[in-house]
């Protein structure tokens, strides 16, 4: 008899559970509809006065056995879930996200297909100092069968007294060298005012770490018909990085390459801390190609090779590093740039399979 009574009670609990489920889902549908009405009226979703009034009404009609505090806690969780449902209902899928586009974006840079499953390498001096300097690096890059050259014409520096770059003259040097050696050039632009000039000389516009949230610059980059290499800010979360890319794509330019370049942490052994797991996260969350700058992330020439191997092993679409003919006399970042012999050793040790295009 006791067993039958227990079974009946449990069956009744199951019935009530299903009734509660049905009512909770019905409530959720009403909450979604309320959210849509609020959106059309321009009303903010969360209304604390309304929430307090609902809780007071519920507690006034609570006849136990639950204490009011317990009832309030349970219904607050229901209210919270409803608010999250409204957010999800109105949260727009980002243009850069996998939800919006499942297949990989491939960025074409003068025939180099970044994001095609093969690693691509970018080398060049930190700053453009002279034609001879850039040309000597370009010659070494071309001799390795590479096609992408980097160099800074505009240099945002921590100190206002450090070398700020040659500006437009540096762009002209990059263009001349690129034409002579058949290379594509990447360089950073720091002001929207320089964008129109830059597109005449560059194959890829770089937006550096310090400008990742320079929103007017991002918008300007979104309005050009050139690939953009966007570097992660030194203290930026991955979500902030992705949203910065969205600023560019929202303006119409989908030719975006993301570049992980290390983030600022408490660690002093390296210049920055290379967030290597950002690579697969970015490739899962977005459809954009991802590169890794091993020079700025480590700041140490002895770590460039293992960092590059790690980047390619974890799925990066390419690696960027700095090379200078004579780093000892470089006008910026002299300690972290490879010389030409070190560059040769780096390439030999990287041991890319012969079938891989670089």
Protein backbone atom coordinates (compact mmCIF):
# COMPACT_ATOMS: atom_id res chain seq x y z
CA UNK A 1 0.00 0.00 0.00
CA UNK A 2 2.83 2.40 0.93
CA UNK A 3 4.60 1.72 -2.36
CA UNK A 4 1.44 2.50 -4.36
CA UNK A 5 0.87 5.74 -2.45
CA UNK A 6 4.51 6.83 -3.05
CA UNK A 7 4.16 6.08 -6.75
CA UNK A 8 0.99 8.15 -6.98
CA UNK A 9 2.67 11.08 -5.23
CA UNK A 10 5.67 10.86 -7.56
CA UNK A 11 3.39 10.70 -10.59
CA UNK A 12 1.63 13.82 -9.37
CA UNK A 13 5.01 15.57 -8.96
CA UNK A 14 5.87 14.60 -12.56
CA UNK A 15 2.57 16.06 -13.77
CA UNK A 16 3.22 19.31 -11.92
CA UNK A 17 6.77 19.46 -13.28
CA UNK A 18 5.40 19.29 -16.82
CA UNK A 19 2.77 21.92 -16.01
CA UNK A 20 5.47 24.19 -14.61
CA UNK A 21 7.59 23.60 -17.72
CA UNK A 22 4.67 24.51 -19.96
CA UNK A 23 3.92 27.66 -17.94
CA UNK A 24 7.59 28.73 -17.84
CA UNK A 25 7.87 28.37 -21.61
CA UNK A 26 4.59 30.21 -22.11
CA UNK A 27 5.94 32.98 -19.89
CA UNK A 28 9.16 33.03 -21.91
CA UNK A 29 7.22 33.53 -25.16
CA UNK A 30 5.37 36.47 -23.57
CA UNK A 31 8.66 37.94 -22.36
CA UNK A 32 10.07 37.69 -25.90
CA UNK A 33 7.03 39.49 -27.27
CA UNK A 34 7.34 42.19 -24.58
CA UNK A 35 10.98 42.60 -25.61
CA UNK A 36 10.01 43.11 -29.25
CA UNK A 37 7.40 45.71 -28.27
CA UNK A 38 9.93 47.52 -26.07
CA UNK A 39 12.41 47.58 -28.94
CA UNK A 40 9.92 49.23 -31.29
CA UNK A 41 9.17 51.81 -28.59
CA UNK A 42 12.83 52.39 -27.80
CA UNK A 43 12.33 51.27 -24.18
CA UNK A 44 15.21 49.68 -22.26
CA UNK A 45 14.61 45.96 -21.62
CA UNK A 46 15.38 45.83 -17.89
CA UNK A 47 12.78 47.57 -15.70
CA UNK A 48 13.65 47.22 -11.98
CA UNK A 49 10.40 48.93 -10.86
CA UNK A 50 8.32 46.42 -12.80
CA UNK A 51 10.40 43.52 -11.42
CA UNK A 52 9.89 44.72 -7.84
CA UNK A 53 6.13 45.05 -8.41
CA UNK A 54 5.94 41.47 -9.75
CA UNK A 55 7.91 40.11 -6.79
CA UNK A 56 5.73 41.98 -4.28
CA UNK A 57 2.56 40.60 -5.89
CA UNK A 58 3.95 37.06 -5.81
CA UNK A 59 4.95 37.32 -2.14
CA UNK A 60 1.58 38.77 -1.17
CA UNK A 61 -0.06 35.64 -2.58
CA UNK A 62 2.44 33.19 -1.11
CA UNK A 63 0.71 30.87 1.33
CA UNK A 64 3.72 28.62 1.95
CA UNK A 65 5.30 26.28 2.70
CA UNK A 66 8.18 28.19 1.03
CA UNK A 67 9.45 31.29 2.83
CA UNK A 68 9.12 34.57 0.92
CA UNK A 69 12.88 34.80 0.63
CA UNK A 70 13.00 31.42 -1.11
CA UNK A 71 10.14 32.34 -3.44
CA UNK A 72 11.85 35.65 -4.30
CA UNK A 73 15.10 33.86 -5.08
CA UNK A 74 13.40 31.35 -7.40
CA UNK A 75 11.43 33.97 -9.30
CA UNK A 76 14.45 36.25 -9.63
CA UNK A 77 16.17 33.41 -11.47
CA UNK A 78 13.15 33.08 -13.77
CA UNK A 79 13.18 36.85 -14.39
CA UNK A 80 16.93 36.76 -15.11
CA UNK A 81 16.49 33.93 -17.62
CA UNK A 82 13.73 35.91 -19.34
CA UNK A 83 15.95 38.98 -19.63
CA UNK A 84 18.74 36.87 -21.14
CA UNK A 85 16.20 35.47 -23.60
CA UNK A 86 15.33 39.02 -24.67
CA UNK A 87 19.01 39.80 -25.17
CA UNK A 88 19.53 36.67 -27.28
CA UNK A 89 16.42 37.54 -29.26
CA UNK A 90 17.85 40.93 -30.22
CA UNK A 91 21.55 40.12 -30.30
CA UNK A 92 22.59 40.49 -33.91
CA UNK A 93 24.97 37.89 -35.27
CA UNK A 94 28.20 39.71 -36.09
CA UNK A 95 29.19 39.87 -39.74
CA UNK A 96 32.60 38.45 -38.81
CA UNK A 97 31.12 35.51 -36.90
CA UNK A 98 30.82 31.87 -37.92
CA UNK A 99 27.09 32.16 -37.30
CA UNK A 100 26.87 34.65 -40.14
CA UNK A 101 29.26 32.84 -42.50
CA UNK A 102 30.32 29.24 -41.96
CA UNK A 103 33.02 28.99 -44.63
CA UNK A 104 36.49 30.52 -44.20
CA UNK A 105 37.19 33.94 -45.65
CA UNK A 106 40.25 33.90 -47.91
CA UNK A 107 42.02 37.24 -48.31
CA UNK A 108 43.86 37.66 -51.60
CA UNK A 109 47.06 39.72 -51.44
CA UNK A 110 48.52 39.87 -54.95
CA UNK A 111 47.92 36.16 -55.41
CA UNK A 112 48.73 35.12 -51.85
CA UNK A 113 45.60 33.39 -50.55
CA UNK A 114 45.63 34.06 -46.79
CA UNK A 115 43.31 31.60 -45.10
CA UNK A 116 43.58 28.82 -47.67
CA UNK A 117 44.93 26.29 -45.18
CA UNK A 118 48.58 26.91 -46.02
CA UNK A 119 50.91 29.05 -43.85
CA UNK A 120 52.07 32.41 -45.18
CA UNK A 121 55.03 34.37 -43.84
CA UNK A 122 55.51 38.13 -43.53
CA UNK A 123 58.92 39.66 -42.83
CA UNK A 124 60.44 43.12 -42.87
CA UNK A 125 61.98 45.83 -40.73
CA UNK A 126 60.18 47.38 -37.80
CA UNK A 127 60.52 50.83 -39.37
CA UNK A 128 61.33 52.03 -42.87
CA UNK A 129 64.61 53.94 -42.52
CA UNK A 130 65.95 54.13 -46.08
CA UNK A 131 65.52 52.63 -49.52
CA UNK A 132 68.75 50.63 -49.14
CA UNK A 133 67.63 49.15 -45.82
CA UNK A 134 64.23 47.99 -47.11
CA UNK A 135 65.67 46.77 -50.42
CA UNK A 136 68.25 44.55 -48.70
CA UNK A 137 65.52 42.87 -46.64
CA UNK A 138 63.29 42.58 -49.72
CA UNK A 139 66.08 40.82 -51.58
CA UNK A 140 66.47 38.27 -48.77
CA UNK A 141 62.69 37.77 -48.56
CA UNK A 142 62.36 37.25 -52.29
CA UNK A 143 65.29 34.80 -52.30
CA UNK A 144 63.29 32.59 -49.92
CA UNK A 145 60.34 32.52 -52.32
CA UNK A 146 58.27 34.75 -50.06
CA UNK A 147 55.94 37.45 -51.34
CA UNK A 148 54.90 39.54 -48.35
CA UNK A 149 56.98 42.40 -46.94
CA UNK A 150 56.23 44.55 -43.89
CA UNK A 151 57.68 47.87 -42.79
CA UNK A 152 56.56 50.75 -40.62
CA UNK A 153 56.20 54.17 -42.23
CA UNK A 154 54.11 55.64 -39.41
CA UNK A 155 55.29 54.50 -35.98
CA UNK A 156 53.07 55.10 -32.94
CA UNK A 157 55.59 55.00 -30.09
CA UNK A 158 55.18 54.99 -26.33
CA UNK A 159 57.57 57.93 -25.99
CA UNK A 160 56.92 61.07 -28.05
CA UNK A 161 60.68 61.42 -28.46
CA UNK A 162 61.22 58.05 -30.17
CA UNK A 163 61.46 57.71 -33.94
CA UNK A 164 57.98 58.21 -35.38
CA UNK A 165 58.68 56.94 -38.88
CA UNK A 166 59.23 58.60 -42.25
CA UNK A 167 55.52 58.96 -42.98
CA UNK A 168 54.52 59.31 -46.62
CA UNK A 169 58.17 59.13 -47.68
CA UNK A 170 58.32 55.71 -46.07
CA UNK A 171 55.24 54.62 -48.01
CA UNK A 172 56.92 55.69 -51.25
CA UNK A 173 60.01 53.64 -50.38
CA UNK A 174 57.87 50.58 -49.67
CA UNK A 175 56.04 51.00 -52.98
CA UNK A 176 59.28 51.36 -54.94
CA UNK A 177 60.82 48.27 -53.33
CA UNK A 178 57.62 46.26 -53.78
CA UNK A 179 57.52 47.06 -57.48
CA UNK A 180 61.20 46.27 -57.99
CA UNK A 181 61.12 42.92 -56.19
CA UNK A 182 57.58 41.81 -57.04
CA UNK A 183 56.39 41.84 -53.41
CA UNK A 184 53.23 42.93 -51.63
CA UNK A 185 53.72 45.41 -48.81
CA UNK A 186 51.99 45.81 -45.45
CA UNK A 187 52.32 48.94 -43.35
CA UNK A 188 50.50 50.60 -40.49
CA UNK A 189 48.31 53.67 -40.80
CA UNK A 190 47.56 55.63 -37.64
CA UNK A 191 45.18 58.36 -38.85
CA UNK A 192 42.03 58.26 -40.99
CA UNK A 193 43.43 61.31 -42.79
CA UNK A 194 46.27 59.21 -44.23
CA UNK A 195 44.05 56.38 -45.53
CA UNK A 196 43.43 57.88 -48.96
CA UNK A 197 47.16 58.39 -49.50
CA UNK A 198 48.10 54.99 -48.11
CA UNK A 199 45.95 52.98 -50.52
CA UNK A 200 48.03 54.37 -53.39
CA UNK A 201 51.20 52.77 -52.02
CA UNK A 202 50.22 49.76 -49.93
CA UNK A 203 48.75 46.33 -50.66
CA UNK A 204 47.58 45.80 -47.07
CA UNK A 205 46.63 48.42 -44.50
CA UNK A 206 47.73 47.49 -40.98
CA UNK A 207 45.94 48.80 -37.91
CA UNK A 208 48.25 48.37 -34.96
CA UNK A 209 47.63 47.30 -31.39
CA UNK A 210 47.50 50.85 -30.05
CA UNK A 211 44.81 51.74 -32.58
CA UNK A 212 42.65 48.63 -32.33
CA UNK A 213 39.86 50.70 -30.78
CA UNK A 214 40.46 53.84 -32.80
CA UNK A 215 36.92 53.59 -34.13
CA UNK A 216 37.18 56.36 -36.71
CA UNK A 217 40.28 54.66 -38.13
CA UNK A 218 38.47 51.31 -38.18
CA UNK A 219 35.56 52.89 -40.05
CA UNK A 220 37.94 54.48 -42.54
CA UNK A 221 39.58 51.08 -43.12
CA UNK A 222 36.14 49.63 -43.72
CA UNK A 223 35.49 52.07 -46.54
CA UNK A 224 38.48 51.13 -48.70
CA UNK A 225 38.93 48.27 -51.13
CA UNK A 226 42.16 46.93 -49.66
CA UNK A 227 42.90 44.08 -47.26
CA UNK A 228 43.29 45.14 -43.63
CA UNK A 229 45.55 43.44 -41.08
CA UNK A 230 44.10 44.18 -37.64
CA UNK A 231 46.31 43.61 -34.61
CA UNK A 232 44.91 42.78 -31.19
CA UNK A 233 45.26 45.53 -28.61
CA UNK A 234 47.79 44.89 -25.89
CA UNK A 235 45.06 44.79 -23.22
CA UNK A 236 42.11 43.80 -25.38
CA UNK A 237 39.88 40.83 -24.73
CA UNK A 238 39.10 38.50 -27.62
CA UNK A 239 35.53 39.86 -27.64
CA UNK A 240 36.83 43.42 -28.00
CA UNK A 241 39.19 42.26 -30.78
CA UNK A 242 36.33 40.64 -32.69
CA UNK A 243 34.16 43.73 -32.28
CA UNK A 244 36.96 45.90 -33.64
CA UNK A 245 36.98 43.72 -36.77
CA UNK A 246 33.20 44.14 -36.94
CA UNK A 247 33.66 47.93 -37.16
CA UNK A 248 35.64 47.38 -40.36
CA UNK A 249 33.30 44.82 -41.90
CA UNK A 250 30.19 46.82 -41.01
CA UNK A 251 31.48 49.53 -43.35
CA UNK A 252 31.66 47.06 -46.24
CA UNK A 253 35.25 45.78 -46.24
CA UNK A 254 35.37 42.04 -45.51
CA UNK A 255 39.06 41.60 -46.41
CA UNK A 256 40.29 41.37 -42.83
CA UNK A 257 43.20 39.42 -41.35
CA UNK A 258 43.33 39.17 -37.56
CA UNK A 259 46.76 39.24 -35.94
CA UNK A 260 47.52 38.04 -32.41
CA UNK A 261 50.59 39.95 -31.15
CA UNK A 262 50.66 39.20 -27.45
CA UNK A 263 48.87 40.85 -24.56
CA UNK A 264 50.15 42.77 -21.56
CA UNK A 265 50.33 40.71 -18.35
CA UNK A 266 52.41 40.79 -15.18
CA UNK A 267 55.08 38.61 -16.83
CA UNK A 268 58.39 40.36 -17.56
CA UNK A 269 60.33 37.51 -19.19
CA UNK A 270 58.88 38.48 -22.57
CA UNK A 271 57.84 41.81 -24.04
CA UNK A 272 54.21 40.65 -24.06
CA UNK A 273 52.52 37.33 -23.35
CA UNK A 274 51.66 35.40 -26.50
CA UNK A 275 48.06 34.25 -26.16
CA UNK A 276 48.51 31.24 -28.41
CA UNK A 277 45.04 29.84 -27.68
CA UNK A 278 43.53 33.00 -29.14
CA UNK A 279 44.28 31.51 -32.58
CA UNK A 280 41.85 28.55 -32.43
CA UNK A 281 39.30 30.63 -30.52
CA UNK A 282 39.32 33.32 -33.22
CA UNK A 283 39.12 30.70 -35.95
CA UNK A 284 36.15 29.07 -34.22
CA UNK A 285 34.32 32.32 -33.46
CA UNK A 286 35.04 34.09 -36.77
CA UNK A 287 35.53 33.14 -40.41
CA UNK A 288 38.56 35.43 -40.77
CA UNK A 289 42.18 34.30 -41.27
CA UNK A 290 44.45 34.64 -38.23
CA UNK A 291 48.17 35.43 -38.13
CA UNK A 292 50.63 35.65 -35.24
CA UNK A 293 53.28 38.34 -34.80
CA UNK A 294 56.06 36.49 -32.99
CA UNK A 295 58.33 39.54 -32.73
CA UNK A 296 56.09 41.84 -30.73
CA UNK A 297 54.58 39.03 -28.67
CA UNK A 298 57.93 37.76 -27.40
CA UNK A 299 60.38 40.63 -27.92
CA UNK A 300 63.13 38.00 -27.88
CA UNK A 301 64.99 36.67 -30.91
CA UNK A 302 65.69 33.37 -29.15
CA UNK A 303 61.93 32.74 -28.89
CA UNK A 304 60.93 33.64 -32.45
CA UNK A 305 61.39 30.14 -33.87
CA UNK A 306 59.52 28.14 -31.16
CA UNK A 307 56.75 30.76 -31.11
CA UNK A 308 56.40 30.54 -34.91
CA UNK A 309 56.28 26.74 -34.78
CA UNK A 310 53.66 26.90 -32.04
CA UNK A 311 51.58 29.38 -34.04
CA UNK A 312 51.56 27.21 -37.15
CA UNK A 313 50.97 24.05 -35.14
CA UNK A 314 47.89 25.50 -33.46
CA UNK A 315 46.39 26.56 -36.76
CA UNK A 316 47.54 30.10 -37.56
CA UNK A 317 47.27 31.08 -41.21
CA UNK A 318 50.59 32.86 -41.07
CA UNK A 319 53.45 34.29 -39.05
CA UNK A 320 54.87 37.82 -38.99
CA UNK A 321 58.36 38.70 -37.77
CA UNK A 322 60.82 41.56 -38.08
CA UNK A 323 64.08 41.48 -40.05
CA UNK A 324 66.67 44.27 -40.33
CA UNK A 325 70.02 44.34 -42.20
CA UNK A 326 71.79 45.65 -39.10
CA UNK A 327 69.55 45.60 -36.00
CA UNK A 328 72.23 47.19 -33.82
CA UNK A 329 71.73 50.52 -35.57
CA UNK A 330 67.96 50.22 -36.10
CA UNK A 331 65.97 53.32 -35.19
CA UNK A 332 63.33 51.26 -33.37
CA UNK A 333 63.12 47.90 -31.59
CA UNK A 334 66.74 47.03 -32.32
CA UNK A 335 66.94 44.18 -29.78
CA UNK A 336 64.09 42.11 -31.18
CA UNK A 337 64.76 42.19 -34.93
CA UNK A 338 66.59 39.37 -36.73
CA UNK A 339 69.55 40.20 -38.93
CA UNK A 340 69.82 38.57 -42.36
CA UNK A 341 71.88 35.61 -41.13
CA UNK A 342 69.44 34.95 -38.31
CA UNK A 343 66.60 35.22 -40.80
CA UNK A 344 68.28 32.58 -42.95
CA UNK A 345 68.70 30.29 -39.93
CA UNK A 346 65.10 30.93 -38.90
CA UNK A 347 63.76 29.89 -42.30
CA UNK A 348 65.93 26.78 -42.45
CA UNK A 349 64.89 25.72 -38.94
CA UNK A 350 61.19 26.41 -39.52
CA UNK A 351 61.24 23.54 -42.04
CA UNK A 352 58.06 24.22 -43.89
CA UNK A 353 57.08 21.25 -46.08
CA UNK A 354 58.11 21.78 -49.70
CA UNK A 355 54.54 21.44 -50.88
CA UNK A 356 53.45 24.39 -48.79
CA UNK A 357 53.31 27.71 -50.61
CA UNK A 358 54.97 30.54 -48.75
